[in-house]
């Protein structure tokens, strides 16, 4: 994988039981989730107006990283602010992504282990268990929602909207 400013550097990979595992650099960073919680807890940052500018920059970093991944034939099932790191320069770095052809296996593992709520998945993935780079648009939306409104696991409205979309897609399919 070529280097990109918004991805952790990939050092190598290994394959075990049909799953591809990336070996990525270990850097002293924090998750975007923890970083945002500490920023929002600091009232001075909000008053100075730097938080909105930083927040928009995080969004741009995520989009740039996701675009690069799609150009490399990779995707990021379950993208959320806990799977995004922030380095010492306040640059977002994506990790835990996979090649598109492995996305279905990754989904199966996550859903089987119940590591992530399945409603974080785009509706088409819940119906057909398929995931493509186009599915990442939903994941980017989830990450943006979390940046601007807080972690999605506390937002029942997103669950409700997602379930309505799934219901409509099932009706259209039949």
N, C-alpha and C. Protein backbone atom coordinates (compact mmCIF):
# COMPACT_ATOMS: atom_id res chain seq x y z
N UNK A 1 0.86 -1.18 0.00
CA UNK A 1 0.00 0.00 0.00
C UNK A 1 0.90 1.23 0.00
N UNK A 2 0.71 2.11 -0.95
CA UNK A 2 1.49 3.36 -0.96
C UNK A 2 1.18 4.21 0.28
N UNK A 3 2.13 5.02 0.68
CA UNK A 3 1.92 5.90 1.84
C UNK A 3 0.91 6.99 1.49
N UNK A 4 0.16 7.41 2.51
CA UNK A 4 -0.78 8.52 2.37
C UNK A 4 -0.86 9.22 3.73
N UNK A 5 -0.98 10.52 3.71
CA UNK A 5 -0.97 11.32 4.95
C UNK A 5 -2.09 10.94 5.91
N UNK A 6 -3.19 10.38 5.41
CA UNK A 6 -4.33 10.08 6.28
C UNK A 6 -4.52 8.59 6.55
N UNK A 7 -3.47 7.81 6.34
CA UNK A 7 -3.50 6.38 6.67
C UNK A 7 -2.29 6.05 7.52
N UNK A 8 -2.46 5.11 8.45
CA UNK A 8 -1.29 4.60 9.14
C UNK A 8 -0.44 3.90 8.10
N UNK A 9 0.84 4.02 8.21
CA UNK A 9 1.75 3.39 7.24
C UNK A 9 1.65 1.88 7.36
N UNK A 10 1.50 1.22 6.23
CA UNK A 10 1.43 -0.24 6.18
C UNK A 10 2.84 -0.78 6.03
N UNK A 11 3.25 -1.62 6.99
CA UNK A 11 4.60 -2.17 6.98
C UNK A 11 4.65 -3.53 6.30
N UNK A 12 3.53 -4.23 6.32
CA UNK A 12 3.48 -5.56 5.73
C UNK A 12 2.10 -6.16 5.94
N UNK A 13 1.99 -7.44 5.66
CA UNK A 13 0.72 -8.12 5.85
C UNK A 13 0.97 -9.61 6.05
N UNK A 14 -0.03 -10.29 6.57
CA UNK A 14 0.01 -11.75 6.66
C UNK A 14 -1.41 -12.25 6.43
N UNK A 15 -1.51 -13.50 6.03
CA UNK A 15 -2.81 -14.10 5.76
C UNK A 15 -2.94 -15.34 6.63
N UNK A 16 -4.07 -15.44 7.31
CA UNK A 16 -4.33 -16.58 8.17
C UNK A 16 -5.79 -16.98 8.05
N UNK A 17 -6.02 -18.25 7.79
CA UNK A 17 -7.38 -18.78 7.66
C UNK A 17 -8.23 -17.94 6.70
N UNK A 18 -7.63 -17.55 5.59
CA UNK A 18 -8.36 -16.80 4.57
C UNK A 18 -8.52 -15.31 4.83
N UNK A 19 -8.08 -14.82 5.98
CA UNK A 19 -8.21 -13.40 6.31
C UNK A 19 -6.85 -12.73 6.12
N UNK A 20 -6.88 -11.53 5.55
CA UNK A 20 -5.68 -10.73 5.35
C UNK A 20 -5.55 -9.76 6.52
N UNK A 21 -4.40 -9.75 7.17
CA UNK A 21 -4.14 -8.85 8.28
C UNK A 21 -3.02 -7.89 7.90
N UNK A 22 -3.27 -6.60 8.03
CA UNK A 22 -2.25 -5.59 7.75
C UNK A 22 -1.42 -5.34 8.99
N UNK A 23 -0.12 -5.18 8.79
CA UNK A 23 0.78 -4.81 9.87
C UNK A 23 1.10 -3.33 9.64
N UNK A 24 0.67 -2.51 10.59
CA UNK A 24 0.80 -1.06 10.41
C UNK A 24 1.67 -0.46 11.50
N UNK A 25 2.18 0.74 11.20
CA UNK A 25 3.07 1.41 12.13
C UNK A 25 2.38 1.64 13.47
N UNK A 26 3.18 1.68 14.50
CA UNK A 26 2.68 1.96 15.84
C UNK A 26 3.17 3.35 16.21
N UNK A 27 2.24 4.29 16.28
CA UNK A 27 2.62 5.67 16.58
C UNK A 27 1.89 6.13 17.83
N UNK A 28 2.47 7.11 18.50
CA UNK A 28 1.86 7.65 19.71
C UNK A 28 0.71 8.58 19.36
N UNK A 29 -0.46 8.02 19.20
CA UNK A 29 -1.64 8.80 18.83
C UNK A 29 -2.82 8.37 19.70
N UNK A 30 -3.92 9.09 19.55
CA UNK A 30 -5.13 8.75 20.27
C UNK A 30 -6.27 8.60 19.26
N UNK A 31 -7.34 7.95 19.67
CA UNK A 31 -8.48 7.83 18.76
C UNK A 31 -9.18 9.18 18.63
N UNK A 32 -9.83 9.39 17.50
CA UNK A 32 -10.57 10.63 17.29
C UNK A 32 -11.67 10.76 18.33
N UNK A 33 -12.25 9.65 18.73
CA UNK A 33 -13.30 9.67 19.76
C UNK A 33 -12.77 10.28 21.06
N UNK A 34 -11.64 9.80 21.55
CA UNK A 34 -11.04 10.31 22.79
C UNK A 34 -10.58 11.75 22.59
N UNK A 35 -10.00 12.03 21.44
CA UNK A 35 -9.51 13.38 21.14
C UNK A 35 -10.66 14.40 21.16
N UNK A 36 -11.77 14.05 20.53
CA UNK A 36 -12.92 14.97 20.51
C UNK A 36 -13.51 15.16 21.90
N UNK A 37 -13.58 14.09 22.65
CA UNK A 37 -14.11 14.22 24.02
C UNK A 37 -13.25 15.15 24.85
N UNK A 38 -11.94 15.08 24.68
CA UNK A 38 -11.07 15.99 25.46
C UNK A 38 -11.19 17.42 24.93
N UNK A 39 -11.36 17.59 23.60
CA UNK A 39 -11.53 18.94 23.04
C UNK A 39 -12.84 19.56 23.51
N UNK A 40 -13.93 18.76 23.45
CA UNK A 40 -15.24 19.30 23.83
C UNK A 40 -15.31 19.57 25.33
N UNK A 41 -14.51 18.87 26.10
CA UNK A 41 -14.48 19.11 27.54
C UNK A 41 -13.73 20.40 27.85
N UNK A 42 -12.90 20.86 26.92
CA UNK A 42 -12.13 22.07 27.12
C UNK A 42 -12.93 23.26 26.57
N UNK A 43 -13.62 23.95 27.43
CA UNK A 43 -14.50 25.05 27.03
C UNK A 43 -13.75 26.14 26.29
N UNK A 44 -12.49 26.39 26.64
CA UNK A 44 -11.72 27.44 25.99
C UNK A 44 -11.56 27.18 24.49
N UNK A 45 -11.39 25.92 24.12
CA UNK A 45 -11.22 25.57 22.70
C UNK A 45 -12.48 25.95 21.92
N UNK A 46 -13.65 25.72 22.52
CA UNK A 46 -14.90 26.06 21.85
C UNK A 46 -15.04 27.57 21.74
N UNK A 47 -14.70 28.30 22.80
CA UNK A 47 -14.82 29.75 22.82
C UNK A 47 -13.89 30.39 21.79
N UNK A 48 -12.68 29.88 21.66
CA UNK A 48 -11.71 30.43 20.71
C UNK A 48 -12.11 30.18 19.26
N UNK A 49 -13.07 29.33 19.02
CA UNK A 49 -13.52 29.05 17.66
C UNK A 49 -12.64 28.06 16.92
N UNK A 50 -11.67 27.47 17.59
CA UNK A 50 -10.79 26.52 16.90
C UNK A 50 -11.46 25.16 16.71
N UNK A 51 -12.41 24.83 17.52
CA UNK A 51 -13.02 23.51 17.44
C UNK A 51 -13.74 23.29 16.11
N UNK A 52 -14.50 24.26 15.64
CA UNK A 52 -15.20 24.08 14.37
C UNK A 52 -14.20 23.91 13.22
N UNK A 53 -13.18 24.73 13.19
CA UNK A 53 -12.15 24.62 12.14
C UNK A 53 -11.47 23.25 12.19
N UNK A 54 -11.10 22.82 13.39
CA UNK A 54 -10.47 21.50 13.54
C UNK A 54 -11.43 20.40 13.12
N UNK A 55 -12.68 20.54 13.52
CA UNK A 55 -13.67 19.52 13.19
C UNK A 55 -13.84 19.38 11.68
N UNK A 56 -13.89 20.50 10.98
CA UNK A 56 -14.00 20.46 9.52
C UNK A 56 -12.74 19.83 8.90
N UNK A 57 -11.58 20.10 9.49
CA UNK A 57 -10.35 19.50 9.01
C UNK A 57 -10.37 17.99 9.21
N UNK A 58 -10.90 17.53 10.34
CA UNK A 58 -11.01 16.08 10.57
C UNK A 58 -11.87 15.45 9.48
N UNK A 59 -12.97 16.11 9.15
CA UNK A 59 -13.84 15.60 8.10
C UNK A 59 -13.12 15.49 6.76
N UNK A 60 -12.36 16.52 6.42
CA UNK A 60 -11.61 16.51 5.17
C UNK A 60 -10.55 15.41 5.18
N UNK A 61 -9.87 15.24 6.31
CA UNK A 61 -8.88 14.16 6.42
C UNK A 61 -9.52 12.79 6.19
N UNK A 62 -10.70 12.58 6.77
CA UNK A 62 -11.39 11.31 6.62
C UNK A 62 -11.76 11.07 5.16
N UNK A 63 -12.33 12.08 4.52
CA UNK A 63 -12.72 11.94 3.11
C UNK A 63 -11.50 11.68 2.24
N UNK A 64 -10.41 12.41 2.47
CA UNK A 64 -9.19 12.19 1.69
C UNK A 64 -8.65 10.77 1.87
N UNK A 65 -8.63 10.30 3.11
CA UNK A 65 -8.16 8.94 3.37
C UNK A 65 -9.06 7.89 2.74
N UNK A 66 -10.37 8.09 2.83
CA UNK A 66 -11.31 7.12 2.25
C UNK A 66 -11.22 7.14 0.73
N UNK A 67 -11.06 8.31 0.13
CA UNK A 67 -10.91 8.38 -1.33
C UNK A 67 -9.67 7.61 -1.76
N UNK A 68 -8.57 7.80 -1.05
CA UNK A 68 -7.32 7.11 -1.38
C UNK A 68 -7.52 5.59 -1.25
N UNK A 69 -8.18 5.17 -0.17
CA UNK A 69 -8.44 3.73 0.00
C UNK A 69 -9.23 3.17 -1.18
N UNK A 70 -10.25 3.89 -1.61
CA UNK A 70 -11.06 3.40 -2.73
C UNK A 70 -10.22 3.30 -4.00
N UNK A 71 -9.29 4.22 -4.20
CA UNK A 71 -8.41 4.18 -5.37
C UNK A 71 -7.46 2.98 -5.33
N UNK A 72 -7.21 2.48 -4.12
CA UNK A 72 -6.31 1.34 -3.93
C UNK A 72 -7.07 0.01 -3.88
N UNK A 73 -8.40 0.06 -4.08
CA UNK A 73 -9.21 -1.16 -4.03
C UNK A 73 -9.48 -1.63 -2.61
N UNK A 74 -9.48 -0.68 -1.67
CA UNK A 74 -9.73 -1.01 -0.26
C UNK A 74 -10.99 -0.30 0.22
N UNK A 75 -11.51 -0.77 1.34
CA UNK A 75 -12.67 -0.13 1.95
C UNK A 75 -12.52 -0.22 3.47
N UNK A 76 -13.46 0.37 4.19
CA UNK A 76 -13.36 0.44 5.64
C UNK A 76 -14.70 0.13 6.29
N UNK A 77 -15.09 -1.17 6.33
CA UNK A 77 -16.33 -1.51 7.03
C UNK A 77 -16.24 -1.06 8.49
N UNK A 78 -17.32 -0.58 9.02
CA UNK A 78 -17.42 -0.14 10.42
C UNK A 78 -16.58 1.08 10.74
N UNK A 79 -16.35 1.94 9.76
CA UNK A 79 -15.65 3.18 10.04
C UNK A 79 -16.44 3.97 11.07
N UNK A 80 -15.78 4.40 12.10
CA UNK A 80 -16.37 5.29 13.10
C UNK A 80 -15.21 6.02 13.76
N UNK A 81 -15.52 6.98 14.60
CA UNK A 81 -14.43 7.79 15.17
C UNK A 81 -13.52 7.00 16.10
N UNK A 82 -13.96 5.82 16.54
CA UNK A 82 -13.04 5.02 17.35
C UNK A 82 -12.02 4.27 16.49
N UNK A 83 -12.27 4.18 15.17
CA UNK A 83 -11.34 3.54 14.24
C UNK A 83 -10.54 4.57 13.44
N UNK A 84 -10.48 5.78 13.94
CA UNK A 84 -9.71 6.85 13.31
C UNK A 84 -8.77 7.40 14.38
N UNK A 85 -7.52 7.55 14.03
CA UNK A 85 -6.53 8.07 14.98
C UNK A 85 -6.20 9.52 14.66
N UNK A 86 -5.72 10.24 15.65
CA UNK A 86 -5.28 11.63 15.47
C UNK A 86 -3.82 11.68 15.92
N UNK A 87 -2.95 12.15 15.01
CA UNK A 87 -1.53 12.21 15.35
C UNK A 87 -1.20 13.52 16.06
N UNK A 88 0.08 13.72 16.33
CA UNK A 88 0.53 14.91 17.07
C UNK A 88 0.31 16.20 16.31
N UNK A 89 0.04 16.11 15.00
CA UNK A 89 -0.21 17.29 14.17
C UNK A 89 -1.70 17.49 13.92
N UNK A 90 -2.54 16.82 14.70
CA UNK A 90 -4.01 16.86 14.57
C UNK A 90 -4.47 16.36 13.20
N UNK A 91 -3.73 15.44 12.63
CA UNK A 91 -4.09 14.84 11.34
C UNK A 91 -4.75 13.49 11.61
N UNK A 92 -5.91 13.26 10.99
CA UNK A 92 -6.60 11.98 11.13
C UNK A 92 -5.90 10.92 10.31
N UNK A 93 -5.77 9.74 10.90
CA UNK A 93 -5.14 8.59 10.24
C UNK A 93 -6.10 7.41 10.34
N UNK A 94 -6.43 6.84 9.20
CA UNK A 94 -7.31 5.68 9.15
C UNK A 94 -6.49 4.40 9.29
N UNK A 95 -7.10 3.41 9.89
CA UNK A 95 -6.49 2.09 9.99
C UNK A 95 -7.62 1.07 10.08
N UNK A 96 -7.26 -0.19 10.12
CA UNK A 96 -8.23 -1.27 10.23
C UNK A 96 -9.12 -1.36 8.98
N UNK A 97 -8.57 -1.05 7.83
CA UNK A 97 -9.28 -1.17 6.56
C UNK A 97 -8.90 -2.49 5.92
N UNK A 98 -9.51 -2.81 4.80
CA UNK A 98 -9.24 -4.09 4.15
C UNK A 98 -9.45 -3.98 2.64
N UNK A 99 -8.91 -4.93 1.89
CA UNK A 99 -9.21 -4.98 0.45
C UNK A 99 -10.70 -5.23 0.25
N UNK A 100 -11.27 -4.67 -0.80
CA UNK A 100 -12.70 -4.82 -1.07
C UNK A 100 -13.09 -6.30 -1.12
N UNK A 101 -12.25 -7.12 -1.74
CA UNK A 101 -12.61 -8.54 -1.87
C UNK A 101 -12.66 -9.28 -0.52
N UNK A 102 -12.06 -8.71 0.53
CA UNK A 102 -12.11 -9.32 1.86
C UNK A 102 -13.21 -8.73 2.74
N UNK A 103 -13.90 -7.72 2.26
CA UNK A 103 -14.88 -7.01 3.10
C UNK A 103 -16.00 -7.93 3.58
N UNK A 104 -16.47 -8.83 2.74
CA UNK A 104 -17.55 -9.72 3.15
C UNK A 104 -17.10 -10.62 4.30
N UNK A 105 -15.86 -11.12 4.24
CA UNK A 105 -15.33 -11.94 5.33
C UNK A 105 -15.19 -11.12 6.61
N UNK A 106 -14.73 -9.89 6.47
CA UNK A 106 -14.59 -9.00 7.63
C UNK A 106 -15.96 -8.76 8.26
N UNK A 107 -16.97 -8.50 7.44
CA UNK A 107 -18.33 -8.30 7.96
C UNK A 107 -18.80 -9.52 8.73
N UNK A 108 -18.59 -10.69 8.15
CA UNK A 108 -19.02 -11.92 8.80
C UNK A 108 -18.36 -12.09 10.16
N UNK A 109 -17.06 -11.82 10.24
CA UNK A 109 -16.33 -11.94 11.51
C UNK A 109 -16.89 -10.96 12.54
N UNK A 110 -17.06 -9.69 12.15
CA UNK A 110 -17.55 -8.68 13.08
C UNK A 110 -18.97 -9.01 13.54
N UNK A 111 -19.82 -9.40 12.61
CA UNK A 111 -21.21 -9.69 12.96
C UNK A 111 -21.29 -10.92 13.85
N UNK A 112 -20.50 -11.95 13.53
CA UNK A 112 -20.49 -13.18 14.33
C UNK A 112 -20.00 -12.90 15.74
N UNK A 113 -18.93 -12.12 15.86
CA UNK A 113 -18.38 -11.78 17.17
C UNK A 113 -19.19 -10.70 17.87
N UNK A 114 -20.12 -10.07 17.13
CA UNK A 114 -20.94 -8.97 17.64
C UNK A 114 -20.05 -7.86 18.20
N UNK A 115 -18.94 -7.59 17.49
CA UNK A 115 -18.01 -6.54 17.93
C UNK A 115 -18.55 -5.14 17.67
N UNK A 116 -19.35 -4.99 16.66
CA UNK A 116 -19.91 -3.69 16.31
C UNK A 116 -21.41 -3.84 16.11
N UNK A 117 -22.19 -2.84 16.47
CA UNK A 117 -23.62 -2.93 16.20
C UNK A 117 -23.87 -3.03 14.69
N UNK A 118 -24.70 -3.98 14.28
CA UNK A 118 -24.93 -4.19 12.85
C UNK A 118 -25.62 -3.00 12.21
N UNK A 119 -26.29 -2.15 12.99
CA UNK A 119 -26.96 -1.00 12.39
C UNK A 119 -25.98 0.08 11.95
N UNK A 120 -24.69 -0.07 12.32
CA UNK A 120 -23.70 0.84 11.78
C UNK A 120 -23.43 0.55 10.31
N UNK A 121 -23.83 -0.64 9.88
CA UNK A 121 -23.62 -1.03 8.48
C UNK A 121 -24.58 -0.32 7.56
N UNK A 122 -24.15 -0.08 6.32
CA UNK A 122 -25.09 0.49 5.35
C UNK A 122 -26.22 -0.50 5.09
N UNK A 123 -27.38 0.00 4.75
CA UNK A 123 -28.55 -0.89 4.57
C UNK A 123 -28.29 -2.04 3.60
N UNK A 124 -27.59 -1.79 2.49
CA UNK A 124 -27.37 -2.87 1.52
C UNK A 124 -26.51 -3.98 2.10
N UNK A 125 -25.66 -3.66 3.06
CA UNK A 125 -24.82 -4.68 3.68
C UNK A 125 -25.63 -5.55 4.63
N UNK A 126 -26.60 -4.96 5.30
CA UNK A 126 -27.45 -5.74 6.21
C UNK A 126 -28.34 -6.68 5.43
N UNK A 127 -28.76 -6.27 4.24
CA UNK A 127 -29.67 -7.10 3.44
C UNK A 127 -28.90 -8.20 2.72
N UNK A 128 -27.83 -7.84 2.02
CA UNK A 128 -27.16 -8.80 1.14
C UNK A 128 -25.79 -9.24 1.64
N UNK A 129 -25.33 -8.68 2.74
CA UNK A 129 -24.00 -8.98 3.29
C UNK A 129 -22.88 -8.66 2.30
N UNK A 130 -23.13 -7.67 1.43
CA UNK A 130 -22.12 -7.21 0.49
C UNK A 130 -21.61 -5.85 0.95
N UNK A 131 -20.34 -5.60 0.70
CA UNK A 131 -19.76 -4.32 1.07
C UNK A 131 -18.78 -3.92 -0.02
N UNK A 132 -18.92 -2.69 -0.52
CA UNK A 132 -18.05 -2.18 -1.57
C UNK A 132 -17.53 -0.81 -1.15
N UNK A 133 -16.71 -0.22 -2.00
CA UNK A 133 -16.23 1.13 -1.70
C UNK A 133 -17.40 2.11 -1.69
N UNK A 134 -18.47 1.83 -2.43
CA UNK A 134 -19.66 2.69 -2.39
C UNK A 134 -20.34 2.62 -1.03
N UNK A 135 -20.24 1.48 -0.37
CA UNK A 135 -20.82 1.33 0.97
C UNK A 135 -20.12 2.24 1.97
N UNK A 136 -18.90 2.61 1.67
CA UNK A 136 -18.15 3.49 2.57
C UNK A 136 -18.78 4.87 2.71
N UNK A 137 -19.63 5.25 1.76
CA UNK A 137 -20.32 6.55 1.87
C UNK A 137 -21.14 6.57 3.15
N UNK A 138 -21.85 5.48 3.45
CA UNK A 138 -22.62 5.37 4.70
C UNK A 138 -21.67 5.49 5.90
N UNK A 139 -20.54 4.79 5.83
CA UNK A 139 -19.58 4.81 6.94
C UNK A 139 -19.03 6.22 7.18
N UNK A 140 -18.77 6.95 6.10
CA UNK A 140 -18.31 8.33 6.25
C UNK A 140 -19.40 9.17 6.92
N UNK A 141 -20.64 8.94 6.52
CA UNK A 141 -21.76 9.65 7.15
C UNK A 141 -21.85 9.36 8.64
N UNK A 142 -21.65 8.09 9.03
CA UNK A 142 -21.65 7.72 10.46
C UNK A 142 -20.53 8.48 11.18
N UNK A 143 -19.33 8.50 10.59
CA UNK A 143 -18.20 9.20 11.23
C UNK A 143 -18.50 10.70 11.37
N UNK A 144 -19.08 11.30 10.32
CA UNK A 144 -19.43 12.73 10.41
C UNK A 144 -20.49 12.97 11.48
N UNK A 145 -21.47 12.09 11.55
CA UNK A 145 -22.50 12.23 12.58
C UNK A 145 -21.84 12.22 13.96
N UNK A 146 -20.92 11.27 14.17
CA UNK A 146 -20.24 11.17 15.47
C UNK A 146 -19.40 12.41 15.76
N UNK A 147 -18.75 12.95 14.76
CA UNK A 147 -17.93 14.15 14.97
C UNK A 147 -18.79 15.32 15.41
N UNK A 148 -19.92 15.51 14.76
CA UNK A 148 -20.74 16.69 15.03
C UNK A 148 -21.80 16.48 16.11
N UNK A 149 -22.20 15.22 16.36
CA UNK A 149 -23.32 14.99 17.30
C UNK A 149 -23.01 14.00 18.41
N UNK A 150 -21.84 13.41 18.42
CA UNK A 150 -21.51 12.44 19.45
C UNK A 150 -21.57 11.02 18.91
N UNK A 151 -21.11 10.09 19.71
CA UNK A 151 -21.02 8.70 19.30
C UNK A 151 -22.39 8.15 18.96
N UNK A 152 -22.47 7.45 17.85
CA UNK A 152 -23.74 6.98 17.30
C UNK A 152 -24.44 5.98 18.19
N UNK A 153 -23.71 5.20 18.99
CA UNK A 153 -24.37 4.17 19.79
C UNK A 153 -25.42 4.76 20.74
N UNK A 154 -25.37 6.06 20.96
CA UNK A 154 -26.35 6.69 21.83
C UNK A 154 -27.47 7.37 21.04
N UNK A 155 -27.45 7.24 19.72
CA UNK A 155 -28.42 7.94 18.88
C UNK A 155 -29.42 6.96 18.28
N UNK A 156 -30.54 6.75 18.95
CA UNK A 156 -31.56 5.83 18.46
C UNK A 156 -32.18 6.30 17.15
N UNK A 157 -32.10 7.60 16.87
CA UNK A 157 -32.69 8.11 15.64
C UNK A 157 -31.97 7.54 14.42
N UNK A 158 -30.66 7.36 14.48
CA UNK A 158 -29.92 6.79 13.36
C UNK A 158 -30.34 5.34 13.16
N UNK A 159 -30.51 4.61 14.25
CA UNK A 159 -30.99 3.23 14.16
C UNK A 159 -32.35 3.19 13.50
N UNK A 160 -33.24 4.05 13.93
CA UNK A 160 -34.60 4.08 13.38
C UNK A 160 -34.58 4.40 11.88
N UNK A 161 -33.81 5.40 11.48
CA UNK A 161 -33.71 5.77 10.06
C UNK A 161 -33.13 4.60 9.26
N UNK A 162 -32.07 3.99 9.77
CA UNK A 162 -31.44 2.87 9.08
C UNK A 162 -32.40 1.70 8.91
N UNK A 163 -33.18 1.41 9.95
CA UNK A 163 -34.14 0.30 9.85
C UNK A 163 -35.25 0.61 8.86
N UNK A 164 -35.69 1.87 8.79
CA UNK A 164 -36.70 2.25 7.79
C UNK A 164 -36.16 2.07 6.38
N UNK A 165 -34.90 2.44 6.17
CA UNK A 165 -34.29 2.28 4.85
C UNK A 165 -34.20 0.80 4.49
N UNK A 166 -33.78 -0.03 5.44
CA UNK A 166 -33.70 -1.48 5.19
C UNK A 166 -35.07 -2.02 4.81
N UNK A 167 -36.09 -1.62 5.54
CA UNK A 167 -37.45 -2.08 5.25
C UNK A 167 -37.87 -1.70 3.83
N UNK A 168 -37.59 -0.46 3.44
CA UNK A 168 -37.95 0.00 2.09
C UNK A 168 -37.17 -0.75 1.02
N UNK A 169 -35.88 -1.00 1.26
CA UNK A 169 -35.09 -1.73 0.29
C UNK A 169 -35.58 -3.17 0.13
N UNK A 170 -35.98 -3.79 1.23
CA UNK A 170 -36.54 -5.14 1.15
C UNK A 170 -37.83 -5.14 0.34
N UNK A 171 -38.66 -4.11 0.53
CA UNK A 171 -39.91 -4.03 -0.23
C UNK A 171 -39.62 -3.87 -1.72
N UNK A 172 -38.64 -3.05 -2.06
CA UNK A 172 -38.28 -2.84 -3.46
C UNK A 172 -37.69 -4.09 -4.09
N UNK A 173 -36.94 -4.86 -3.29
CA UNK A 173 -36.31 -6.07 -3.78
C UNK A 173 -37.32 -7.16 -4.12
N UNK A 174 -38.43 -7.19 -3.36
CA UNK A 174 -39.44 -8.26 -3.58
C UNK A 174 -40.52 -7.88 -4.53
